[in-house]
Amino acid sequence: MEGAGGGAAYPSRTAEEVFRDLRGRRAGMIKALTEEVEKFYKLCDPEKENLCLYGYPNETWEVTLPAEEVPPEIPEPALGINFARDGMNGKDWLALVAVHSDSWLLAVAFYFGARFGFDRETRRRLFNMVNNLPTIYEVVTGVAKKQAKEKTPNSSSKSNKPTSKVSRVEPRSSSKAKVSAPKDEEDSGDEDGDEVEEEHDNTLCGTCGTNDGKDEFWICCDNCEKWYHGKCVKITPARAEHIKHYRCPECTNGNSNKRLKP
């Protein structure tokens, strides 16, 4: 992305394109704080000047000094993360960096939203897409895994995971039922039905972040259990019938290579 001045011309971008950019930055920062934490720790030398952790759209990361230009082209991440390294418990320090990294991603998200002229609905859709992902803090501290495990006992319930492939790929009804209950369970009671309907009213597509399209075809990822509009992941009902275990683009790392420049 070129230009940092207030009058710079910015090409139009969609909420989905900005989300892919942010998801790449997030992946890079998570890598720094988990898989490559030893390298990250060594780079954050308290004897050095104010250092920042940057995540880039291509899922890489860098510990470096902040941008010299004022004002910067995009919001800057937390300054001086290296100073607290030796004065805190290692896990607490990483958690602190993670929290600041989450704040930075949201700042970048809405900076792009303003620059690209997003209206209220587009900003809401972008926020929903970002909010559907576990935060960096949740991943680094293990909260995300804990939450996933807590959901496991309910995975066999008809209100969370379909009991058959057919129910998984059926279009949702006008009541936006997330799961079509098997015939032998249809008379299980109105109370359960009300709970399921309420839950499904809040279901958001993992790609576009909306719950529009009551009568459209939806599909659930067997890996992360998120729901998607068929059109958003380019899956038709006919094709879904031949998929044994569906994995969404995010779980298969099929991210688009089309990124915004850092």
Protein backbone atom coordinates (compact mmCIF):
# COMPACT_ATOMS: atom_id res chain seq x y z
CA MET A 1 0.00 0.00 0.00
CA GLU A 2 1.60 3.21 -1.16
CA GLY A 3 1.58 6.63 0.46
CA ALA A 4 1.13 7.72 4.04
CA GLY A 5 -0.02 11.32 3.71
CA GLY A 6 -3.51 12.37 4.60
CA GLY A 7 -4.32 13.13 0.98
CA ALA A 8 -2.95 9.88 -0.46
CA ALA A 9 -5.26 8.00 -2.82
CA TYR A 10 -6.12 4.48 -1.66
CA PRO A 11 -7.52 1.86 -4.03
CA SER A 12 -10.81 0.28 -3.06
CA ARG A 13 -10.66 -2.88 -0.97
CA THR A 14 -13.39 -5.19 0.29
CA ALA A 15 -13.89 -6.31 3.88
CA GLU A 16 -12.83 -9.81 2.83
CA GLU A 17 -9.54 -8.54 1.39
CA VAL A 18 -8.76 -6.59 4.55
CA PHE A 19 -9.64 -9.66 6.62
CA ARG A 20 -7.22 -11.83 4.64
CA ASP A 21 -4.53 -9.22 5.25
CA LEU A 22 -5.23 -9.22 8.99
CA ARG A 23 -5.41 -12.99 9.19
CA GLY A 24 -1.96 -13.21 7.63
CA ARG A 25 -0.56 -10.68 10.11
CA ARG A 26 -2.19 -12.57 12.98
CA ALA A 27 -0.71 -15.89 11.84
CA GLY A 28 2.77 -14.38 11.70
CA MET A 29 2.53 -12.96 15.22
CA ILE A 30 1.18 -16.22 16.61
CA LYS A 31 4.13 -18.01 15.02
CA ALA A 32 6.53 -15.62 16.76
CA LEU A 33 4.92 -16.18 20.17
CA THR A 34 4.55 -19.97 19.88
CA GLU A 35 6.48 -21.97 17.29
CA GLU A 36 9.42 -19.57 17.06
CA VAL A 37 9.31 -18.22 20.59
CA GLU A 38 13.00 -18.90 21.31
CA LYS A 39 14.04 -16.80 18.34
CA PHE A 40 11.57 -14.09 19.35
CA TYR A 41 12.87 -14.09 22.93
CA LYS A 42 16.47 -13.59 21.82
CA LEU A 43 15.56 -10.75 19.46
CA CYS A 44 13.82 -8.84 22.26
CA ASP A 45 17.04 -7.81 23.99
CA PRO A 46 16.27 -5.30 26.78
CA GLU A 47 19.58 -3.58 26.04
CA LYS A 48 18.36 -2.53 22.61
CA GLU A 49 16.16 0.47 21.81
CA ASN A 50 12.36 0.43 21.72
CA LEU A 51 11.37 -2.63 19.71
CA CYS A 52 8.03 -3.63 18.17
CA LEU A 53 6.58 -6.93 16.96
CA TYR A 54 5.20 -6.63 13.44
CA GLY A 55 3.05 -9.20 11.67
CA TYR A 56 2.88 -9.16 7.88
CA PRO A 57 0.17 -10.27 5.44
CA ASN A 58 2.34 -13.16 4.17
CA GLU A 59 2.24 -14.76 7.65
CA THR A 60 5.76 -13.68 8.62
CA TRP A 61 6.88 -11.55 11.56
CA GLU A 62 9.66 -9.16 12.52
CA VAL A 63 11.02 -7.56 15.68
CA THR A 64 12.36 -4.15 14.76
CA LEU A 65 12.34 -0.45 15.53
CA PRO A 66 9.16 1.53 14.83
CA ALA A 67 8.73 3.40 11.56
CA GLU A 68 10.63 6.67 11.38
CA GLU A 69 7.99 8.49 9.36
CA VAL A 70 5.51 10.62 11.29
CA PRO A 71 2.67 9.94 11.15
CA PRO A 72 3.26 6.29 10.21
CA GLU A 73 1.55 4.77 7.18
CA ILE A 74 -0.50 2.46 9.39
CA PRO A 75 -0.93 2.33 13.19
CA GLU A 76 2.18 1.16 15.01
CA PRO A 77 2.27 -1.86 17.34
CA ALA A 78 3.18 -1.55 21.03
CA LEU A 79 6.53 0.13 21.56
CA GLY A 80 9.29 -1.24 23.81
CA ILE A 81 8.10 -4.83 24.24
CA ASN A 82 11.72 -5.83 24.90
CA PHE A 83 12.11 -3.74 28.07
CA ALA A 84 9.83 -5.92 30.21
CA ARG A 85 11.29 -9.24 29.05
CA ASP A 86 13.62 -9.88 31.98
CA GLY A 87 11.47 -8.24 34.62
CA MET A 88 8.49 -10.60 34.23
CA ASN A 89 7.70 -14.28 34.23
CA GLY A 90 8.26 -15.56 30.68
CA LYS A 91 4.65 -16.68 30.15
CA ASP A 92 3.27 -13.45 31.55
CA TRP A 93 5.51 -11.44 29.25
CA LEU A 94 4.38 -13.38 26.18
CA ALA A 95 0.75 -12.93 27.24
CA LEU A 96 1.33 -9.17 27.56
CA VAL A 97 2.83 -8.99 24.08
CA ALA A 98 -0.10 -11.04 22.78
CA VAL A 99 -2.66 -8.63 24.26
CA HIS A 100 -0.94 -5.66 22.68
CA SER A 101 -0.75 -7.55 19.38
CA ASP A 102 -4.52 -8.13 19.43
CA SER A 103 -5.06 -4.41 20.05
CA TRP A 104 -2.79 -3.56 17.13
CA LEU A 105 -4.67 -5.85 14.73
CA LEU A 106 -7.98 -4.18 15.59
CA ALA A 107 -6.40 -0.75 15.14
CA VAL A 108 -5.09 -1.77 11.71
CA ALA A 109 -8.49 -3.27 10.78
CA PHE A 110 -10.41 -0.08 11.40
CA TYR A 111 -7.66 2.09 9.98
CA PHE A 112 -8.10 0.22 6.69
CA GLY A 113 -11.86 0.49 7.13
CA ALA A 114 -11.61 4.26 7.32
CA ARG A 115 -9.11 4.54 4.48
CA PHE A 116 -11.18 2.36 2.17
CA GLY A 117 -14.42 4.14 3.04
CA PHE A 118 -16.25 1.22 4.66
CA ASP A 119 -19.80 1.97 5.69
CA ARG A 120 -21.33 0.80 8.96
CA GLU A 121 -22.47 -2.56 7.59
CA THR A 122 -19.08 -3.31 6.02
CA ARG A 123 -17.26 -2.40 9.25
CA ARG A 124 -19.60 -4.67 11.18
CA ARG A 125 -18.92 -7.52 8.75
CA LEU A 126 -15.17 -7.01 9.05
CA PHE A 127 -15.34 -6.98 12.85
CA ASN A 128 -17.44 -10.15 12.90
CA MET A 129 -14.92 -11.96 10.70
CA VAL A 130 -12.06 -10.89 12.97
CA ASN A 131 -14.03 -11.70 16.11
CA ASN A 132 -14.77 -15.24 14.89
CA LEU A 133 -11.06 -16.05 15.18
CA PRO A 134 -9.48 -16.83 18.56
CA THR A 135 -7.43 -13.87 19.76
CA ILE A 136 -3.65 -14.08 19.78
CA TYR A 137 -3.85 -13.95 23.57
CA GLU A 138 -6.20 -16.93 23.64
CA VAL A 139 -3.87 -18.95 21.41
CA VAL A 140 -0.68 -18.04 23.29
CA THR A 141 -2.13 -18.70 26.75
CA GLY A 142 -3.93 -21.89 25.75
CA VAL A 143 -7.39 -20.46 26.40
CA ALA A 144 -8.45 -21.26 22.82
CA LYS A 145 -7.65 -24.97 23.26
CA LYS A 146 -9.43 -25.02 26.62
CA GLN A 147 -12.54 -23.47 25.10
CA ALA A 148 -12.46 -26.01 22.27
CA LYS A 149 -12.27 -28.88 24.76
CA GLU A 150 -15.16 -27.46 26.77
CA LYS A 151 -17.30 -27.54 23.64
CA THR A 152 -16.44 -31.17 22.94
CA PRO A 153 -19.08 -32.73 25.26
CA ASN A 154 -21.76 -30.88 23.31
CA SER A 155 -20.41 -31.89 19.92
CA SER A 156 -22.76 -34.89 19.80
CA SER A 157 -25.79 -32.72 20.53
CA LYS A 158 -28.07 -31.95 17.64
CA SER A 159 -27.83 -28.26 18.52
CA ASN A 160 -24.08 -28.16 17.84
CA LYS A 161 -22.94 -30.79 15.38
CA PRO A 162 -25.20 -32.61 12.91
CA THR A 163 -25.67 -36.33 13.48
CA SER A 164 -25.51 -37.14 9.81
CA LYS A 165 -23.94 -35.90 6.62
CA VAL A 166 -27.34 -35.08 5.15
CA SER A 167 -28.24 -32.77 8.01
CA ARG A 168 -24.87 -31.06 7.68
CA VAL A 169 -25.36 -30.03 4.09
CA GLU A 170 -29.06 -29.20 4.04
CA PRO A 171 -30.01 -25.56 3.44
CA ARG A 172 -31.16 -23.89 6.62
CA SER A 173 -34.90 -23.41 6.97
CA SER A 174 -36.71 -20.12 7.43
CA SER A 175 -36.16 -20.48 11.18
CA LYS A 176 -32.43 -20.60 10.40
CA ALA A 177 -32.10 -24.00 12.05
CA LYS A 178 -28.43 -24.88 12.01
CA VAL A 179 -29.16 -28.61 12.08
CA SER A 180 -32.00 -30.63 10.62
CA ALA A 181 -32.92 -33.10 13.34
CA PRO A 182 -33.27 -36.79 12.38
CA LYS A 183 -36.86 -37.99 12.06
CA ASP A 184 -36.79 -40.02 15.27
CA GLU A 185 -35.87 -36.87 17.22
CA GLU A 186 -38.35 -34.44 15.69
CA ASP A 187 -40.78 -34.78 18.59
CA SER A 188 -38.16 -34.30 21.30
CA GLY A 189 -39.92 -31.19 22.66
CA ASP A 190 -40.54 -27.52 21.99
CA GLU A 191 -38.06 -26.37 24.62
CA ASP A 192 -35.06 -27.85 22.80
CA GLY A 193 -36.35 -26.43 19.54
CA ASP A 194 -36.53 -22.93 20.98
CA GLU A 195 -32.95 -23.17 22.25
CA VAL A 196 -31.70 -24.41 18.90
CA GLU A 197 -33.56 -21.69 17.01
CA GLU A 198 -32.15 -18.98 19.29
CA GLU A 199 -28.61 -20.32 18.82
CA HIS A 200 -28.98 -20.44 15.07
CA ASP A 201 -30.32 -16.90 14.91
CA ASN A 202 -26.86 -15.86 16.11
CA THR A 203 -24.91 -18.08 13.70
CA LEU A 204 -22.54 -16.10 11.48
CA CYS A 205 -20.88 -17.22 8.28
CA GLY A 206 -17.17 -17.82 8.92
CA THR A 207 -16.27 -16.05 5.69
CA CYS A 208 -18.54 -13.03 5.27
CA GLY A 209 -19.45 -12.65 8.96
CA THR A 210 -23.19 -12.29 8.36
CA ASN A 211 -26.20 -14.47 9.09
CA ASP A 212 -28.15 -13.37 6.03
CA GLY A 213 -29.85 -15.82 3.72
CA LYS A 214 -32.30 -17.84 5.78
CA ASP A 215 -33.14 -20.17 2.92
CA GLU A 216 -29.64 -20.40 1.46
CA PHE A 217 -27.43 -23.47 1.55
CA TRP A 218 -25.01 -23.60 4.48
CA ILE A 219 -22.20 -26.07 5.24
CA CYS A 220 -20.38 -26.83 8.47
CA CYS A 221 -16.63 -27.45 8.73
CA ASP A 222 -16.02 -30.84 10.37
CA ASN A 223 -12.74 -29.55 11.80
CA CYS A 224 -13.55 -26.20 13.45
CA GLU A 225 -17.38 -26.58 13.37
CA LYS A 226 -17.93 -23.12 11.92
CA TRP A 227 -20.78 -22.59 9.47
CA TYR A 228 -20.39 -21.05 6.02
CA HIS A 229 -22.65 -19.92 3.22
CA GLY A 230 -22.17 -22.42 0.41
CA LYS A 231 -21.63 -19.56 -2.02
CA CYS A 232 -18.91 -18.05 0.20
CA VAL A 233 -16.81 -21.22 0.10
CA LYS A 234 -17.92 -22.23 -3.41
CA ILE A 235 -19.64 -25.44 -2.33
CA THR A 236 -22.99 -26.48 -3.82
CA PRO A 237 -25.45 -28.92 -2.22
CA ALA A 238 -24.72 -31.45 -4.97
CA ARG A 239 -20.98 -31.24 -4.41
CA ALA A 240 -21.39 -31.41 -0.64
CA GLU A 241 -23.14 -34.77 -0.94
CA HIS A 242 -19.86 -36.24 -2.18
CA ILE A 243 -17.69 -34.72 0.56
CA LYS A 244 -17.10 -37.11 3.44
CA HIS A 245 -15.40 -34.65 5.79
CA TYR A 246 -15.56 -30.99 4.84
CA ARG A 247 -12.70 -28.69 5.87
CA CYS A 248 -13.10 -24.95 5.40
CA PRO A 249 -10.48 -22.82 3.57
CA GLU A 250 -9.04 -21.60 6.86
CA CYS A 251 -8.48 -25.13 8.18
CA THR A 252 -6.90 -26.30 4.95
CA ASN A 253 -4.69 -23.21 4.83
CA GLY A 254 -6.14 -22.41 1.44
CA ASN A 255 -5.75 -18.70 2.01
CA SER A 256 -5.73 -16.44 -1.00
CA ASN A 257 -2.36 -15.15 -2.08
CA LYS A 258 -3.88 -11.78 -2.75
CA ARG A 259 -2.54 -9.68 0.14
CA LEU A 260 -2.43 -6.04 0.99
CA LYS A 261 1.07 -4.60 1.06
CA PRO A 262 2.34 -3.94 4.61
